[in-house]
Protein backbone atom coordinates (compact mmCIF):
# COMPACT_ATOMS: atom_id res chain seq x y z
CA UNK A 1 0.00 0.00 0.00
CA UNK A 2 2.89 2.36 0.70
CA UNK A 3 4.00 2.29 -2.96
CA UNK A 4 0.49 3.13 -4.14
CA UNK A 5 0.23 6.05 -1.74
CA UNK A 6 3.64 7.35 -2.74
CA UNK A 7 2.60 7.42 -6.39
CA UNK A 8 -0.65 9.20 -5.57
CA UNK A 9 1.15 11.73 -3.39
CA UNK A 10 3.71 12.40 -6.12
CA UNK A 11 0.98 12.92 -8.71
CA UNK A 12 -0.87 15.29 -6.35
CA UNK A 13 2.32 17.25 -5.70
CA UNK A 14 2.96 17.53 -9.42
CA UNK A 15 -0.60 18.73 -10.11
CA UNK A 16 -0.30 21.26 -7.31
CA UNK A 17 3.06 22.50 -8.63
CA UNK A 18 1.72 22.96 -12.16
CA UNK A 19 -1.32 24.81 -10.74
CA UNK A 20 0.97 27.10 -8.75
CA UNK A 21 3.12 27.80 -11.81
CA UNK A 22 0.02 28.42 -13.95
CA UNK A 23 -1.26 30.98 -11.44
CA UNK A 24 2.18 32.64 -11.33
CA UNK A 25 2.23 32.74 -15.12
CA UNK A 26 -1.23 34.34 -15.20
CA UNK A 27 -0.41 36.99 -12.59
CA UNK A 28 3.24 37.72 -13.41
CA UNK A 29 4.40 35.84 -16.48
CA UNK A 30 1.97 37.00 -19.14
CA UNK A 31 2.63 40.72 -18.79
CA UNK A 32 6.25 40.31 -17.71
CA UNK A 33 7.32 38.03 -20.52
CA UNK A 34 5.52 40.26 -23.04
CA UNK A 35 7.37 43.26 -21.60
CA UNK A 36 10.69 41.40 -21.70
CA UNK A 37 10.13 40.46 -25.34
CA UNK A 38 10.06 44.16 -26.24
CA UNK A 39 12.65 45.38 -23.71
CA UNK A 40 16.14 43.88 -24.07
CA UNK A 41 17.19 45.37 -20.71
CA UNK A 42 14.39 43.60 -18.88
CA UNK A 43 15.14 40.39 -20.78
CA UNK A 44 18.78 40.59 -19.64
CA UNK A 45 17.64 41.04 -16.02
CA UNK A 46 15.27 38.06 -16.33
CA UNK A 47 18.08 35.96 -17.83
CA UNK A 48 20.37 36.87 -14.93
CA UNK A 49 17.67 36.00 -12.41
CA UNK A 50 16.97 32.72 -14.23
CA UNK A 51 20.66 31.83 -13.92
CA UNK A 52 20.45 32.63 -10.21
CA UNK A 53 17.39 30.42 -9.79
CA UNK A 54 19.06 27.57 -11.68
CA UNK A 55 22.13 27.96 -9.49
CA UNK A 56 20.03 28.00 -6.31
CA UNK A 57 18.27 24.82 -7.39
CA UNK A 58 21.52 23.11 -8.49
CA UNK A 59 20.06 22.74 -11.97
CA UNK A 60 23.51 21.88 -13.28
CA UNK A 61 23.38 18.56 -11.40
CA UNK A 62 19.66 17.78 -11.40
CA UNK A 63 16.86 18.65 -13.80
CA UNK A 64 14.43 21.45 -13.11
CA UNK A 65 10.98 20.20 -12.26
CA UNK A 66 7.64 21.87 -11.71
CA UNK A 67 7.78 20.89 -8.04
CA UNK A 68 11.19 22.51 -7.55
CA UNK A 69 10.23 25.70 -9.39
CA UNK A 70 6.88 26.06 -7.62
CA UNK A 71 8.47 25.49 -4.20
CA UNK A 72 11.18 28.02 -5.03
CA UNK A 73 8.63 30.64 -6.12
CA UNK A 74 6.58 30.09 -2.95
CA UNK A 75 9.74 30.43 -0.86
CA UNK A 76 10.70 33.70 -2.55
CA UNK A 77 7.20 35.07 -2.09
CA UNK A 78 6.97 33.97 1.56
CA UNK A 79 10.38 35.43 2.42
CA UNK A 80 9.52 38.69 0.66
CA UNK A 81 6.22 39.01 2.56
CA UNK A 82 8.06 38.35 5.82
CA UNK A 83 10.36 41.27 5.03
CA UNK A 84 7.55 43.67 4.18
CA UNK A 85 7.34 43.31 0.40
CA UNK A 86 3.91 43.64 -1.15
CA UNK A 87 2.99 42.81 -4.74
CA UNK A 88 1.96 45.56 -7.12
CA UNK A 89 -1.66 46.62 -6.83
CA UNK A 90 -3.86 46.73 -9.91
CA UNK A 91 -4.01 44.87 -13.17
CA UNK A 92 -0.98 46.58 -14.75
CA UNK A 93 2.54 45.86 -13.51
CA UNK A 94 5.22 48.50 -14.00
CA UNK A 95 8.07 46.37 -15.28
CA UNK A 96 10.38 49.38 -15.38
CA UNK A 97 10.40 49.40 -11.57
CA UNK A 98 13.45 47.72 -10.08
CA UNK A 99 11.54 45.12 -8.02
CA UNK A 100 13.87 42.18 -7.29
CA UNK A 101 11.05 39.91 -6.14
CA UNK A 102 8.94 40.48 -9.25
CA UNK A 103 11.98 40.01 -11.47
CA UNK A 104 12.83 36.75 -9.67
CA UNK A 105 9.27 35.47 -10.00
CA UNK A 106 9.30 36.42 -13.67
CA UNK A 107 12.49 34.38 -14.08
CA UNK A 108 10.67 31.39 -12.56
CA UNK A 109 7.95 31.90 -15.19
CA UNK A 110 10.58 31.95 -17.93
CA UNK A 111 12.13 28.74 -16.62
CA UNK A 112 8.72 27.10 -16.26
CA UNK A 113 8.19 27.56 -20.00
CA UNK A 114 11.05 25.09 -20.55
CA UNK A 115 9.32 22.31 -18.60
CA UNK A 116 7.42 19.53 -20.32
CA UNK A 117 3.66 20.21 -20.39
CA UNK A 118 1.54 18.84 -17.56
CA UNK A 119 -0.74 15.93 -18.34
C-alpha atoms as a PDB file:
ATOM      1  CA  UNK A   1       0.000   0.000   0.000  1.00  0.00           C
ATOM      2  CA  UNK A   2       2.892   2.361   0.695  1.00  0.00           C
ATOM      3  CA  UNK A   3       4.002   2.289  -2.958  1.00  0.00           C
ATOM      4  CA  UNK A   4       0.493   3.131  -4.138  1.00  0.00           C
ATOM      5  CA  UNK A   5       0.225   6.052  -1.737  1.00  0.00           C
ATOM      6  CA  UNK A   6       3.645   7.352  -2.741  1.00  0.00           C
ATOM      7  CA  UNK A   7       2.598   7.424  -6.391  1.00  0.00           C
ATOM      8  CA  UNK A   8      -0.650   9.203  -5.570  1.00  0.00           C
ATOM      9  CA  UNK A   9       1.146  11.732  -3.391  1.00  0.00           C
ATOM     10  CA  UNK A  10       3.708  12.403  -6.116  1.00  0.00           C
ATOM     11  CA  UNK A  11       0.980  12.924  -8.711  1.00  0.00           C
ATOM     12  CA  UNK A  12      -0.873  15.287  -6.349  1.00  0.00           C
ATOM     13  CA  UNK A  13       2.322  17.252  -5.697  1.00  0.00           C
ATOM     14  CA  UNK A  14       2.959  17.531  -9.425  1.00  0.00           C
ATOM     15  CA  UNK A  15      -0.602  18.727 -10.111  1.00  0.00           C
ATOM     16  CA  UNK A  16      -0.301  21.264  -7.305  1.00  0.00           C
ATOM     17  CA  UNK A  17       3.056  22.495  -8.630  1.00  0.00           C
ATOM     18  CA  UNK A  18       1.717  22.955 -12.159  1.00  0.00           C
ATOM     19  CA  UNK A  19      -1.320  24.807 -10.742  1.00  0.00           C
ATOM     20  CA  UNK A  20       0.972  27.098  -8.746  1.00  0.00           C
ATOM     21  CA  UNK A  21       3.117  27.804 -11.808  1.00  0.00           C
ATOM     22  CA  UNK A  22       0.021  28.422 -13.953  1.00  0.00           C
ATOM     23  CA  UNK A  23      -1.255  30.979 -11.439  1.00  0.00           C
ATOM     24  CA  UNK A  24       2.180  32.636 -11.326  1.00  0.00           C
ATOM     25  CA  UNK A  25       2.227  32.737 -15.118  1.00  0.00           C
ATOM     26  CA  UNK A  26      -1.227  34.343 -15.203  1.00  0.00           C
ATOM     27  CA  UNK A  27      -0.413  36.989 -12.594  1.00  0.00           C
ATOM     28  CA  UNK A  28       3.236  37.721 -13.414  1.00  0.00           C
ATOM     29  CA  UNK A  29       4.405  35.844 -16.485  1.00  0.00           C
ATOM     30  CA  UNK A  30       1.968  37.000 -19.140  1.00  0.00           C
ATOM     31  CA  UNK A  31       2.628  40.721 -18.788  1.00  0.00           C
ATOM     32  CA  UNK A  32       6.254  40.311 -17.713  1.00  0.00           C
ATOM     33  CA  UNK A  33       7.316  38.028 -20.523  1.00  0.00           C
ATOM     34  CA  UNK A  34       5.516  40.256 -23.036  1.00  0.00           C
ATOM     35  CA  UNK A  35       7.369  43.260 -21.601  1.00  0.00           C
ATOM     36  CA  UNK A  36      10.689  41.397 -21.699  1.00  0.00           C
ATOM     37  CA  UNK A  37      10.127  40.458 -25.340  1.00  0.00           C
ATOM     38  CA  UNK A  38      10.061  44.160 -26.239  1.00  0.00           C
ATOM     39  CA  UNK A  39      12.653  45.382 -23.713  1.00  0.00           C
ATOM     40  CA  UNK A  40      16.143  43.884 -24.067  1.00  0.00           C
ATOM     41  CA  UNK A  41      17.194  45.371 -20.714  1.00  0.00           C
ATOM     42  CA  UNK A  42      14.395  43.603 -18.885  1.00  0.00           C
ATOM     43  CA  UNK A  43      15.143  40.387 -20.784  1.00  0.00           C
ATOM     44  CA  UNK A  44      18.778  40.591 -19.635  1.00  0.00           C
ATOM     45  CA  UNK A  45      17.638  41.036 -16.022  1.00  0.00           C
ATOM     46  CA  UNK A  46      15.272  38.064 -16.335  1.00  0.00           C
ATOM     47  CA  UNK A  47      18.079  35.955 -17.833  1.00  0.00           C
ATOM     48  CA  UNK A  48      20.370  36.874 -14.928  1.00  0.00           C
ATOM     49  CA  UNK A  49      17.670  35.999 -12.412  1.00  0.00           C
ATOM     50  CA  UNK A  50      16.971  32.723 -14.231  1.00  0.00           C
ATOM     51  CA  UNK A  51      20.657  31.834 -13.925  1.00  0.00           C
ATOM     52  CA  UNK A  52      20.446  32.625 -10.212  1.00  0.00           C
ATOM     53  CA  UNK A  53      17.389  30.415  -9.794  1.00  0.00           C
ATOM     54  CA  UNK A  54      19.061  27.568 -11.678  1.00  0.00           C
ATOM     55  CA  UNK A  55      22.135  27.960  -9.487  1.00  0.00           C
ATOM     56  CA  UNK A  56      20.034  27.999  -6.310  1.00  0.00           C
ATOM     57  CA  UNK A  57      18.273  24.816  -7.392  1.00  0.00           C
ATOM     58  CA  UNK A  58      21.519  23.114  -8.488  1.00  0.00           C
ATOM     59  CA  UNK A  59      20.064  22.737 -11.972  1.00  0.00           C
ATOM     60  CA  UNK A  60      23.510  21.878 -13.284  1.00  0.00           C
ATOM     61  CA  UNK A  61      23.380  18.561 -11.396  1.00  0.00           C
ATOM     62  CA  UNK A  62      19.663  17.775 -11.401  1.00  0.00           C
ATOM     63  CA  UNK A  63      16.865  18.654 -13.795  1.00  0.00           C
ATOM     64  CA  UNK A  64      14.426  21.449 -13.115  1.00  0.00           C
ATOM     65  CA  UNK A  65      10.975  20.197 -12.260  1.00  0.00           C
ATOM     66  CA  UNK A  66       7.637  21.870 -11.711  1.00  0.00           C
ATOM     67  CA  UNK A  67       7.777  20.885  -8.037  1.00  0.00           C
ATOM     68  CA  UNK A  68      11.194  22.512  -7.548  1.00  0.00           C
ATOM     69  CA  UNK A  69      10.228  25.702  -9.387  1.00  0.00           C
ATOM     70  CA  UNK A  70       6.884  26.055  -7.616  1.00  0.00           C
ATOM     71  CA  UNK A  71       8.474  25.490  -4.202  1.00  0.00           C
ATOM     72  CA  UNK A  72      11.181  28.020  -5.029  1.00  0.00           C
ATOM     73  CA  UNK A  73       8.630  30.642  -6.115  1.00  0.00           C
ATOM     74  CA  UNK A  74       6.578  30.088  -2.951  1.00  0.00           C
ATOM     75  CA  UNK A  75       9.737  30.433  -0.859  1.00  0.00           C
ATOM     76  CA  UNK A  76      10.700  33.701  -2.552  1.00  0.00           C
ATOM     77  CA  UNK A  77       7.195  35.067  -2.087  1.00  0.00           C
ATOM     78  CA  UNK A  78       6.974  33.972   1.560  1.00  0.00           C
ATOM     79  CA  UNK A  79      10.379  35.430   2.424  1.00  0.00           C
ATOM     80  CA  UNK A  80       9.519  38.686   0.655  1.00  0.00           C
ATOM     81  CA  UNK A  81       6.224  39.008   2.557  1.00  0.00           C
ATOM     82  CA  UNK A  82       8.064  38.352   5.824  1.00  0.00           C
ATOM     83  CA  UNK A  83      10.361  41.268   5.028  1.00  0.00           C
ATOM     84  CA  UNK A  84       7.546  43.668   4.182  1.00  0.00           C
ATOM     85  CA  UNK A  85       7.339  43.311   0.401  1.00  0.00           C
ATOM     86  CA  UNK A  86       3.908  43.638  -1.150  1.00  0.00           C
ATOM     87  CA  UNK A  87       2.989  42.813  -4.737  1.00  0.00           C
ATOM     88  CA  UNK A  88       1.962  45.562  -7.118  1.00  0.00           C
ATOM     89  CA  UNK A  89      -1.663  46.621  -6.831  1.00  0.00           C
ATOM     90  CA  UNK A  90      -3.861  46.727  -9.905  1.00  0.00           C
ATOM     91  CA  UNK A  91      -4.008  44.871 -13.167  1.00  0.00           C
ATOM     92  CA  UNK A  92      -0.983  46.585 -14.746  1.00  0.00           C
ATOM     93  CA  UNK A  93       2.538  45.860 -13.506  1.00  0.00           C
ATOM     94  CA  UNK A  94       5.215  48.502 -14.001  1.00  0.00           C
ATOM     95  CA  UNK A  95       8.075  46.366 -15.282  1.00  0.00           C
ATOM     96  CA  UNK A  96      10.379  49.378 -15.385  1.00  0.00           C
ATOM     97  CA  UNK A  97      10.400  49.397 -11.568  1.00  0.00           C
ATOM     98  CA  UNK A  98      13.453  47.719 -10.076  1.00  0.00           C
ATOM     99  CA  UNK A  99      11.542  45.116  -8.020  1.00  0.00           C
ATOM    100  CA  UNK A 100      13.872  42.180  -7.290  1.00  0.00           C
ATOM    101  CA  UNK A 101      11.048  39.909  -6.137  1.00  0.00           C
ATOM    102  CA  UNK A 102       8.935  40.482  -9.248  1.00  0.00           C
ATOM    103  CA  UNK A 103      11.979  40.005 -11.471  1.00  0.00           C
ATOM    104  CA  UNK A 104      12.835  36.747  -9.668  1.00  0.00           C
ATOM    105  CA  UNK A 105       9.269  35.467 -10.001  1.00  0.00           C
ATOM    106  CA  UNK A 106       9.300  36.417 -13.671  1.00  0.00           C
ATOM    107  CA  UNK A 107      12.486  34.380 -14.081  1.00  0.00           C
ATOM    108  CA  UNK A 108      10.670  31.393 -12.557  1.00  0.00           C
ATOM    109  CA  UNK A 109       7.954  31.896 -15.187  1.00  0.00           C
ATOM    110  CA  UNK A 110      10.576  31.951 -17.933  1.00  0.00           C
ATOM    111  CA  UNK A 111      12.127  28.741 -16.616  1.00  0.00           C
ATOM    112  CA  UNK A 112       8.716  27.096 -16.256  1.00  0.00           C
ATOM    113  CA  UNK A 113       8.190  27.561 -20.002  1.00  0.00           C
ATOM    114  CA  UNK A 114      11.050  25.089 -20.550  1.00  0.00           C
ATOM    115  CA  UNK A 115       9.324  22.312 -18.601  1.00  0.00           C
ATOM    116  CA  UNK A 116       7.417  19.535 -20.317  1.00  0.00           C
ATOM    117  CA  UNK A 117       3.664  20.211 -20.386  1.00  0.00           C
ATOM    118  CA  UNK A 118       1.544  18.838 -17.561  1.00  0.00           C
ATOM    119  CA  UNK A 119      -0.738  15.932 -18.344  1.00  0.00           C
END
